[in-house]
Amino acid sequence: MLGHFFDCIFLIHKLIFFLLC
C-alpha cells in the first residue's frame, strides 16, 4: 500500500518536472 503511494508521488513528480522543462 505504501509502495503504491510512493509510486503515485513519483509519477506526479516526474509529470511536473516534464511540464516545467
N, C-alpha and C. Protein backbone atom coordinates (compact mmCIF):
# COMPACT_ATOMS: atom_id res chain seq x y z
N MET A 1 0.84 -1.20 0.00
CA MET A 1 0.00 0.00 0.00
C MET A 1 0.87 1.26 0.00
N LEU A 2 1.87 1.26 0.90
CA LEU A 2 2.76 2.42 0.98
C LEU A 2 3.59 2.55 -0.28
N GLY A 3 4.00 1.39 -0.85
CA GLY A 3 4.78 1.41 -2.08
C GLY A 3 3.99 2.03 -3.22
N HIS A 4 2.70 1.70 -3.30
CA HIS A 4 1.84 2.26 -4.35
C HIS A 4 1.71 3.77 -4.17
N PHE A 5 1.64 4.20 -2.91
CA PHE A 5 1.52 5.63 -2.60
C PHE A 5 2.75 6.39 -3.11
N PHE A 6 3.95 5.81 -2.84
CA PHE A 6 5.18 6.45 -3.29
C PHE A 6 5.29 6.41 -4.81
N ASP A 7 4.73 5.35 -5.42
CA ASP A 7 4.73 5.24 -6.88
C ASP A 7 3.93 6.38 -7.48
N CYS A 8 2.81 6.71 -6.88
CA CYS A 8 1.96 7.80 -7.37
C CYS A 8 2.69 9.13 -7.23
N ILE A 9 3.34 9.34 -6.09
CA ILE A 9 4.09 10.58 -5.86
C ILE A 9 5.20 10.72 -6.89
N PHE A 10 5.90 9.60 -7.17
CA PHE A 10 7.00 9.64 -8.13
C PHE A 10 6.48 10.00 -9.52
N LEU A 11 5.33 9.43 -9.89
CA LEU A 11 4.74 9.71 -11.20
C LEU A 11 4.35 11.17 -11.31
N ILE A 12 3.73 11.72 -10.28
CA ILE A 12 3.31 13.12 -10.29
C ILE A 12 4.54 14.03 -10.36
N HIS A 13 5.58 13.68 -9.59
CA HIS A 13 6.81 14.48 -9.59
C HIS A 13 7.42 14.51 -10.99
N LYS A 14 7.45 13.33 -11.65
CA LYS A 14 8.02 13.24 -12.99
C LYS A 14 7.19 14.08 -13.98
N LEU A 15 5.88 14.04 -13.81
CA LEU A 15 4.99 14.79 -14.70
C LEU A 15 5.21 16.29 -14.54
N ILE A 16 5.31 16.76 -13.29
CA ILE A 16 5.55 18.19 -13.03
C ILE A 16 6.90 18.61 -13.61
N PHE A 17 7.93 17.77 -13.40
CA PHE A 17 9.26 18.08 -13.91
C PHE A 17 9.24 18.18 -15.43
N PHE A 18 8.48 17.27 -16.07
CA PHE A 18 8.38 17.26 -17.53
C PHE A 18 7.68 18.53 -18.02
N LEU A 19 6.65 18.96 -17.31
CA LEU A 19 5.90 20.15 -17.71
C LEU A 19 6.74 21.41 -17.53
N LEU A 20 7.57 21.44 -16.47
CA LEU A 20 8.39 22.62 -16.21
C LEU A 20 9.50 22.74 -17.26
N CYS A 21 10.03 21.60 -17.69
CA CYS A 21 11.12 21.63 -18.68
C CYS A 21 10.52 21.53 -20.08
